[in-house]
């Protein structure tokens, strides 16, 4: 796994927004507010979309693979 796994502005923003959405939905359950539950889930989806858009804008991880296509790939094992 790369050293920058998840340490990007896109990842942090997406997870933060999605956390708030889960929190909203979680609060709605004991209060029996069905509309607030669905609002929370919509916020979760919004977080995923925002994260993807930010990643496409260059604020995410640039390498999504770990093989010979990666310029930093090291074929020599250091055991």
PDB file of N, CA and C in Angstrom:
ATOM      1  N   UNK A   1       0.839  -1.167   0.000  1.00  0.00           N
ATOM      2  CA  UNK A   1       0.000   0.000   0.000  1.00  0.00           C
ATOM      3  C   UNK A   1       0.888   1.236   0.000  1.00  0.00           C
ATOM      4  N   UNK A   2       0.478   2.240  -0.718  1.00  0.00           N
ATOM      5  CA  UNK A   2       1.325   3.424  -0.823  1.00  0.00           C
ATOM      6  C   UNK A   2       1.331   4.213   0.475  1.00  0.00           C
ATOM      7  N   UNK A   3       2.370   5.018   0.641  1.00  0.00           N
ATOM      8  CA  UNK A   3       2.516   5.801   1.867  1.00  0.00           C
ATOM      9  C   UNK A   3       1.455   6.888   1.968  1.00  0.00           C
ATOM     10  N   UNK A   4       0.860   7.291   0.841  1.00  0.00           N
ATOM     11  CA  UNK A   4      -0.133   8.367   0.856  1.00  0.00           C
ATOM     12  C   UNK A   4      -1.564   7.828   0.839  1.00  0.00           C
ATOM     13  N   UNK A   5      -1.737   6.580   1.233  1.00  0.00           N
ATOM     14  CA  UNK A   5      -3.062   5.957   1.189  1.00  0.00           C
ATOM     15  C   UNK A   5      -4.065   6.771   2.007  1.00  0.00           C
ATOM     16  N   UNK A   6      -4.970   7.451   1.324  1.00  0.00           N
ATOM     17  CA  UNK A   6      -6.018   8.199   1.987  1.00  0.00           C
ATOM     18  C   UNK A   6      -5.613   9.563   2.515  1.00  0.00           C
ATOM     19  N   UNK A   7      -4.365   9.934   2.359  1.00  0.00           N
ATOM     20  CA  UNK A   7      -3.910  11.225   2.876  1.00  0.00           C
ATOM     21  C   UNK A   7      -3.949  12.290   1.788  1.00  0.00           C
ATOM     22  N   UNK A   8      -5.133  12.518   1.230  1.00  0.00           N
ATOM     23  CA  UNK A   8      -5.308  13.524   0.204  1.00  0.00           C
ATOM     24  C   UNK A   8      -6.488  14.410   0.593  1.00  0.00           C
ATOM     25  N   UNK A   9      -6.509  15.641   0.074  1.00  0.00           N
ATOM     26  CA  UNK A   9      -7.666  16.501   0.370  1.00  0.00           C
ATOM     27  C   UNK A   9      -8.992  15.887  -0.084  1.00  0.00           C
ATOM     28  N   UNK A  10      -8.985  15.186  -1.211  1.00  0.00           N
ATOM     29  CA  UNK A  10     -10.219  14.567  -1.700  1.00  0.00           C
ATOM     30  C   UNK A  10     -10.721  13.505  -0.721  1.00  0.00           C
ATOM     31  N   UNK A  11      -9.810  12.683  -0.228  1.00  0.00           N
ATOM     32  CA  UNK A  11     -10.206  11.622   0.702  1.00  0.00           C
ATOM     33  C   UNK A  11     -10.705  12.199   2.019  1.00  0.00           C
ATOM     34  N   UNK A  12      -9.979  13.147   2.562  1.00  0.00           N
ATOM     35  CA  UNK A  12     -10.390  13.744   3.844  1.00  0.00           C
ATOM     36  C   UNK A  12     -11.745  14.439   3.728  1.00  0.00           C
ATOM     37  N   UNK A  13     -11.952  15.158   2.638  1.00  0.00           N
ATOM     38  CA  UNK A  13     -13.224  15.861   2.451  1.00  0.00           C
ATOM     39  C   UNK A  13     -14.371  14.867   2.294  1.00  0.00           C
ATOM     40  N   UNK A  14     -14.169  13.844   1.470  1.00  0.00           N
ATOM     41  CA  UNK A  14     -15.220  12.857   1.252  1.00  0.00           C
ATOM     42  C   UNK A  14     -15.589  12.161   2.552  1.00  0.00           C
ATOM     43  N   UNK A  15     -14.602  11.716   3.304  1.00  0.00           N
ATOM     44  CA  UNK A  15     -14.874  11.000   4.550  1.00  0.00           C
ATOM     45  C   UNK A  15     -15.540  11.927   5.568  1.00  0.00           C
ATOM     46  N   UNK A  16     -15.120  13.170   5.633  1.00  0.00           N
ATOM     47  CA  UNK A  16     -15.733  14.115   6.583  1.00  0.00           C
ATOM     48  C   UNK A  16     -17.206  14.344   6.267  1.00  0.00           C
ATOM     49  N   UNK A  17     -17.508  14.571   4.995  1.00  0.00           N
ATOM     50  CA  UNK A  17     -18.902  14.798   4.603  1.00  0.00           C
ATOM     51  C   UNK A  17     -19.733  13.540   4.846  1.00  0.00           C
ATOM     52  N   UNK A  18     -19.177  12.385   4.501  1.00  0.00           N
ATOM     53  CA  UNK A  18     -19.911  11.136   4.697  1.00  0.00           C
ATOM     54  C   UNK A  18     -20.122  10.842   6.182  1.00  0.00           C
ATOM     55  N   UNK A  19     -19.150  11.183   7.023  1.00  0.00           N
ATOM     56  CA  UNK A  19     -19.311  10.998   8.469  1.00  0.00           C
ATOM     57  C   UNK A  19     -20.478  11.829   8.981  1.00  0.00           C
ATOM     58  N   UNK A  20     -20.578  13.064   8.538  1.00  0.00           N
ATOM     59  CA  UNK A  20     -21.692  13.926   8.957  1.00  0.00           C
ATOM     60  C   UNK A  20     -23.014  13.320   8.497  1.00  0.00           C
ATOM     61  N   UNK A  21     -23.047  12.780   7.286  1.00  0.00           N
ATOM     62  CA  UNK A  21     -24.270  12.142   6.789  1.00  0.00           C
ATOM     63  C   UNK A  21     -24.681  10.950   7.637  1.00  0.00           C
ATOM     64  N   UNK A  22     -23.708  10.097   7.994  1.00  0.00           N
ATOM     65  CA  UNK A  22     -24.019   8.962   8.859  1.00  0.00           C
ATOM     66  C   UNK A  22     -24.476   9.435  10.234  1.00  0.00           C
ATOM     67  N   UNK A  23     -23.874  10.497  10.724  1.00  0.00           N
ATOM     68  CA  UNK A  23     -24.277  11.049  12.014  1.00  0.00           C
ATOM     69  C   UNK A  23     -25.722  11.543  11.964  1.00  0.00           C
ATOM     70  N   UNK A  24     -26.072  12.240  10.907  1.00  0.00           N
ATOM     71  CA  UNK A  24     -27.447  12.736  10.750  1.00  0.00           C
ATOM     72  C   UNK A  24     -28.431  11.562  10.712  1.00  0.00           C
ATOM     73  N   UNK A  25     -28.107  10.546   9.910  1.00  0.00           N
ATOM     74  CA  UNK A  25     -28.995   9.377   9.823  1.00  0.00           C
ATOM     75  C   UNK A  25     -29.083   8.652  11.158  1.00  0.00           C
ATOM     76  N   UNK A  26     -27.960   8.560  11.860  1.00  0.00           N
ATOM     77  CA  UNK A  26     -27.963   7.894  13.159  1.00  0.00           C
ATOM     78  C   UNK A  26     -28.792   8.627  14.194  1.00  0.00           C
ATOM     79  N   UNK A  27     -28.761   9.937  14.159  1.00  0.00           N
ATOM     80  CA  UNK A  27     -29.574  10.735  15.087  1.00  0.00           C
ATOM     81  C   UNK A  27     -31.055  10.605  14.736  1.00  0.00           C
ATOM     82  N   UNK A  28     -31.360  10.473  13.443  1.00  0.00           N
ATOM     83  CA  UNK A  28     -32.755  10.391  13.006  1.00  0.00           C
ATOM     84  C   UNK A  28     -33.425   9.095  13.456  1.00  0.00           C
ATOM     85  N   UNK A  29     -32.650   8.021  13.617  1.00  0.00           N
ATOM     86  CA  UNK A  29     -33.266   6.733  13.971  1.00  0.00           C
ATOM     87  C   UNK A  29     -33.977   6.745  15.320  1.00  0.00           C
ATOM     88  N   UNK A  30     -33.315   7.121  16.417  1.00  0.00           N
ATOM     89  CA  UNK A  30     -34.059   7.097  17.697  1.00  0.00           C
ATOM     90  C   UNK A  30     -35.137   8.177  17.789  1.00  0.00           C
ATOM     91  N   UNK A  31     -35.014   9.215  16.968  1.00  0.00           N
ATOM     92  CA  UNK A  31     -36.034  10.267  16.973  1.00  0.00           C
ATOM     93  C   UNK A  31     -37.210   9.927  16.062  1.00  0.00           C
ATOM     94  N   UNK A  32     -37.089   8.818  15.329  1.00  0.00           N
ATOM     95  CA  UNK A  32     -38.139   8.350  14.409  1.00  0.00           C
ATOM     96  C   UNK A  32     -38.510   9.411  13.385  1.00  0.00           C
ATOM     97  N   UNK A  33     -37.483  10.080  12.864  1.00  0.00           N
ATOM     98  CA  UNK A  33     -37.692  11.084  11.824  1.00  0.00           C
ATOM     99  C   UNK A  33     -37.205  10.499  10.495  1.00  0.00           C
ATOM    100  N   UNK A  34     -38.137   9.898   9.777  1.00  0.00           N
ATOM    101  CA  UNK A  34     -37.777   9.215   8.532  1.00  0.00           C
ATOM    102  C   UNK A  34     -37.173  10.172   7.507  1.00  0.00           C
ATOM    103  N   UNK A  35     -37.710  11.376   7.405  1.00  0.00           N
ATOM    104  CA  UNK A  35     -37.204  12.332   6.428  1.00  0.00           C
ATOM    105  C   UNK A  35     -35.755  12.709   6.728  1.00  0.00           C
ATOM    106  N   UNK A  36     -35.406  12.828   8.013  1.00  0.00           N
ATOM    107  CA  UNK A  36     -34.040  13.193   8.388  1.00  0.00           C
ATOM    108  C   UNK A  36     -33.075  12.035   8.091  1.00  0.00           C
ATOM    109  N   UNK A  37     -33.546  10.814   8.238  1.00  0.00           N
ATOM    110  CA  UNK A  37     -32.742   9.650   7.885  1.00  0.00           C
ATOM    111  C   UNK A  37     -32.346   9.708   6.412  1.00  0.00           C
ATOM    112  N   UNK A  38     -33.320   9.991   5.547  1.00  0.00           N
ATOM    113  CA  UNK A  38     -33.043  10.046   4.109  1.00  0.00           C
ATOM    114  C   UNK A  38     -32.174  11.244   3.752  1.00  0.00           C
ATOM    115  N   UNK A  39     -32.313  12.338   4.467  1.00  0.00           N
ATOM    116  CA  UNK A  39     -31.432  13.493   4.257  1.00  0.00           C
ATOM    117  C   UNK A  39     -29.996  13.099   4.583  1.00  0.00           C
ATOM    118  N   UNK A  40     -29.812  12.372   5.675  1.00  0.00           N
ATOM    119  CA  UNK A  40     -28.481  11.906   6.045  1.00  0.00           C
ATOM    120  C   UNK A  40     -27.869  11.012   4.981  1.00  0.00           C
ATOM    121  N   UNK A  41     -28.655  10.107   4.429  1.00  0.00           N
ATOM    122  CA  UNK A  41     -28.149   9.247   3.361  1.00  0.00           C
ATOM    123  C   UNK A  41     -27.824  10.042   2.109  1.00  0.00           C
ATOM    124  N   UNK A  42     -28.588  11.069   1.825  1.00  0.00           N
ATOM    125  CA  UNK A  42     -28.287  11.933   0.681  1.00  0.00           C
ATOM    126  C   UNK A  42     -26.955  12.654   0.899  1.00  0.00           C
ATOM    127  N   UNK A  43     -26.685  13.048   2.130  1.00  0.00           N
ATOM    128  CA  UNK A  43     -25.411  13.693   2.446  1.00  0.00           C
ATOM    129  C   UNK A  43     -24.258  12.702   2.245  1.00  0.00           C
ATOM    130  N   UNK A  44     -24.465  11.445   2.581  1.00  0.00           N
ATOM    131  CA  UNK A  44     -23.439  10.420   2.357  1.00  0.00           C
ATOM    132  C   UNK A  44     -23.130  10.310   0.861  1.00  0.00           C
ATOM    133  N   UNK A  45     -24.157  10.245   0.047  1.00  0.00           N
ATOM    134  CA  UNK A  45     -23.961  10.173  -1.407  1.00  0.00           C
ATOM    135  C   UNK A  45     -23.270  11.431  -1.911  1.00  0.00           C
ATOM    136  N   UNK A  46     -23.661  12.577  -1.389  1.00  0.00           N
ATOM    137  CA  UNK A  46     -23.016  13.833  -1.763  1.00  0.00           C
ATOM    138  C   UNK A  46     -21.524  13.794  -1.435  1.00  0.00           C
ATOM    139  N   UNK A  47     -21.173  13.242  -0.300  1.00  0.00           N
ATOM    140  CA  UNK A  47     -19.765  13.125   0.075  1.00  0.00           C
ATOM    141  C   UNK A  47     -18.974  12.285  -0.912  1.00  0.00           C
ATOM    142  N   UNK A  48     -19.565  11.187  -1.371  1.00  0.00           N
ATOM    143  CA  UNK A  48     -18.893  10.339  -2.361  1.00  0.00           C
ATOM    144  C   UNK A  48     -18.700  11.087  -3.675  1.00  0.00           C
ATOM    145  N   UNK A  49     -19.703  11.828  -4.083  1.00  0.00           N
ATOM    146  CA  UNK A  49     -19.604  12.594  -5.335  1.00  0.00           C
ATOM    147  C   UNK A  49     -18.556  13.692  -5.206  1.00  0.00           C
ATOM    148  N   UNK A  50     -18.563  14.414  -4.096  1.00  0.00           N
ATOM    149  CA  UNK A  50     -17.582  15.479  -3.884  1.00  0.00           C
ATOM    150  C   UNK A  50     -16.161  14.908  -3.879  1.00  0.00           C
ATOM    151  N   UNK A  51     -15.967  13.778  -3.220  1.00  0.00           N
ATOM    152  CA  UNK A  51     -14.649  13.151  -3.196  1.00  0.00           C
ATOM    153  C   UNK A  51     -14.176  12.762  -4.582  1.00  0.00           C
ATOM    154  N   UNK A  52     -15.071  12.188  -5.384  1.00  0.00           N
ATOM    155  CA  UNK A  52     -14.706  11.777  -6.747  1.00  0.00           C
ATOM    156  C   UNK A  52     -14.381  12.989  -7.613  1.00  0.00           C
ATOM    157  N   UNK A  53     -15.184  14.040  -7.507  1.00  0.00           N
ATOM    158  CA  UNK A  53     -14.932  15.253  -8.289  1.00  0.00           C
ATOM    159  C   UNK A  53     -13.597  15.876  -7.894  1.00  0.00           C
ATOM    160  N   UNK A  54     -13.327  15.950  -6.602  1.00  0.00           N
ATOM    161  CA  UNK A  54     -12.050  16.511  -6.152  1.00  0.00           C
ATOM    162  C   UNK A  54     -10.877  15.658  -6.637  1.00  0.00           C
ATOM    163  N   UNK A  55     -11.062  14.349  -6.630  1.00  0.00           N
ATOM    164  CA  UNK A  55     -10.013  13.457  -7.123  1.00  0.00           C
ATOM    165  C   UNK A  55      -9.767  13.688  -8.607  1.00  0.00           C
ATOM    166  N   UNK A  56     -10.823  13.875  -9.362  1.00  0.00           N
ATOM    167  CA  UNK A  56     -10.692  14.137 -10.791  1.00  0.00           C
ATOM    168  C   UNK A  56     -10.057  15.501 -11.061  1.00  0.00           C
ATOM    169  N   UNK A  57     -10.186  16.419 -10.110  1.00  0.00           N
ATOM    170  CA  UNK A  57      -9.564  17.740 -10.237  1.00  0.00           C
ATOM    171  C   UNK A  57      -8.087  17.722  -9.863  1.00  0.00           C
ATOM    172  N   UNK A  58      -7.583  16.569  -9.464  1.00  0.00           N
ATOM    173  CA  UNK A  58      -6.167  16.451  -9.134  1.00  0.00           C
ATOM    174  C   UNK A  58      -5.853  16.547  -7.657  1.00  0.00           C
ATOM    175  N   UNK A  59      -6.861  16.528  -6.808  1.00  0.00           N
ATOM    176  CA  UNK A  59      -6.629  16.628  -5.370  1.00  0.00           C
ATOM    177  C   UNK A  59      -6.631  15.275  -4.682  1.00  0.00           C
ATOM    178  N   UNK A  60      -6.632  14.206  -5.463  1.00  0.00           N
ATOM    179  CA  UNK A  60      -6.620  12.861  -4.917  1.00  0.00           C
ATOM    180  C   UNK A  60      -5.315  12.165  -5.230  1.00  0.00           C
ATOM    181  N   UNK A  61      -5.288  10.889  -4.967  1.00  0.00           N
ATOM    182  CA  UNK A  61      -4.104  10.096  -5.243  1.00  0.00           C
ATOM    183  C   UNK A  61      -3.935   9.948  -6.750  1.00  0.00           C
ATOM    184  N   UNK A  62      -2.711  10.120  -7.217  1.00  0.00           N
ATOM    185  CA  UNK A  62      -2.466  10.031  -8.652  1.00  0.00           C
ATOM    186  C   UNK A  62      -2.179   8.615  -9.097  1.00  0.00           C
ATOM    187  N   UNK A  63      -1.758   7.738  -8.194  1.00  0.00           N
ATOM    188  CA  UNK A  63      -1.439   6.364  -8.540  1.00  0.00           C
ATOM    189  C   UNK A  63      -2.463   5.444  -7.897  1.00  0.00           C
ATOM    190  N   UNK A  64      -3.174   4.689  -8.734  1.00  0.00           N
ATOM    191  CA  UNK A  64      -4.194   3.779  -8.218  1.00  0.00           C
ATOM    192  C   UNK A  64      -3.773   2.333  -8.380  1.00  0.00           C
ATOM    193  N   UNK A  65      -2.550   2.104  -8.746  1.00  0.00           N
ATOM    194  CA  UNK A  65      -2.051   0.753  -8.957  1.00  0.00           C
ATOM    195  C   UNK A  65      -0.648   0.649  -8.377  1.00  0.00           C
ATOM    196  N   UNK A  66      -0.197  -0.555  -8.157  1.00  0.00           N
ATOM    197  CA  UNK A  66       1.153  -0.752  -7.620  1.00  0.00           C
ATOM    198  C   UNK A  66       1.819  -1.871  -8.412  1.00  0.00           C
ATOM    199  N   UNK A  67       2.268  -1.548  -9.600  1.00  0.00           N
ATOM    200  CA  UNK A  67       2.996  -2.503 -10.426  1.00  0.00           C
ATOM    201  C   UNK A  67       3.975  -1.738 -11.318  1.00  0.00           C
ATOM    202  N   UNK A  68       4.405  -2.327 -12.388  1.00  0.00           N
ATOM    203  CA  UNK A  68       5.427  -1.728 -13.234  1.00  0.00           C
ATOM    204  C   UNK A  68       4.996  -0.401 -13.861  1.00  0.00           C
ATOM    205  N   UNK A  69       3.712  -0.110 -13.921  1.00  0.00           N
ATOM    206  CA  UNK A  69       3.253   1.172 -14.468  1.00  0.00           C
ATOM    207  C   UNK A  69       3.535   2.332 -13.523  1.00  0.00           C
ATOM    208  N   UNK A  70       3.730   2.025 -12.245  1.00  0.00           N
ATOM    209  CA  UNK A  70       4.016   3.046 -11.235  1.00  0.00           C
ATOM    210  C   UNK A  70       5.493   3.429 -11.318  1.00  0.00           C
ATOM    211  N   UNK A  71       5.807   4.717 -11.543  1.00  0.00           N
ATOM    212  CA  UNK A  71       7.210   5.098 -11.669  1.00  0.00           C
ATOM    213  C   UNK A  71       8.018   4.873 -10.396  1.00  0.00           C
ATOM    214  N   UNK A  72       7.376   4.796  -9.259  1.00  0.00           N
ATOM    215  CA  UNK A  72       8.084   4.572  -7.997  1.00  0.00           C
ATOM    216  C   UNK A  72       8.100   3.095  -7.598  1.00  0.00           C
ATOM    217  N   UNK A  73       7.661   2.227  -8.485  1.00  0.00           N
ATOM    218  CA  UNK A  73       7.594   0.799  -8.174  1.00  0.00           C
ATOM    219  C   UNK A  73       9.007   0.223  -8.050  1.00  0.00           C
ATOM    220  N   UNK A  74       9.242  -0.510  -6.970  1.00  0.00           N
ATOM    221  CA  UNK A  74      10.551  -1.106  -6.733  1.00  0.00           C
ATOM    222  C   UNK A  74      10.426  -2.620  -6.883  1.00  0.00           C
ATOM    223  N   UNK A  75      11.118  -3.167  -7.852  1.00  0.00           N
ATOM    224  CA  UNK A  75      11.044  -4.599  -8.086  1.00  0.00           C
ATOM    225  C   UNK A  75      11.925  -5.384  -7.149  1.00  0.00           C
ATOM    226  N   UNK A  76      12.806  -4.727  -6.414  1.00  0.00           N
ATOM    227  CA  UNK A  76      13.711  -5.408  -5.504  1.00  0.00           C
ATOM    228  C   UNK A  76      13.081  -5.453  -4.112  1.00  0.00           C
ATOM    229  N   UNK A  77      12.897  -6.653  -3.612  1.00  0.00           N
ATOM    230  CA  UNK A  77      12.358  -6.832  -2.265  1.00  0.00           C
ATOM    231  C   UNK A  77      13.430  -6.529  -1.244  1.00  0.00           C
ATOM    232  N   UNK A  78      13.073  -5.817  -0.188  1.00  0.00           N
ATOM    233  CA  UNK A  78      14.015  -5.513   0.900  1.00  0.00           C
ATOM    234  C   UNK A  78      13.547  -6.267   2.129  1.00  0.00           C
ATOM    235  N   UNK A  79      13.972  -7.508   2.261  1.00  0.00           N
ATOM    236  CA  UNK A  79      13.497  -8.348   3.361  1.00  0.00           C
ATOM    237  C   UNK A  79      14.296  -8.171   4.575  1.00  0.00           C
TER     238      UNK A  79
END
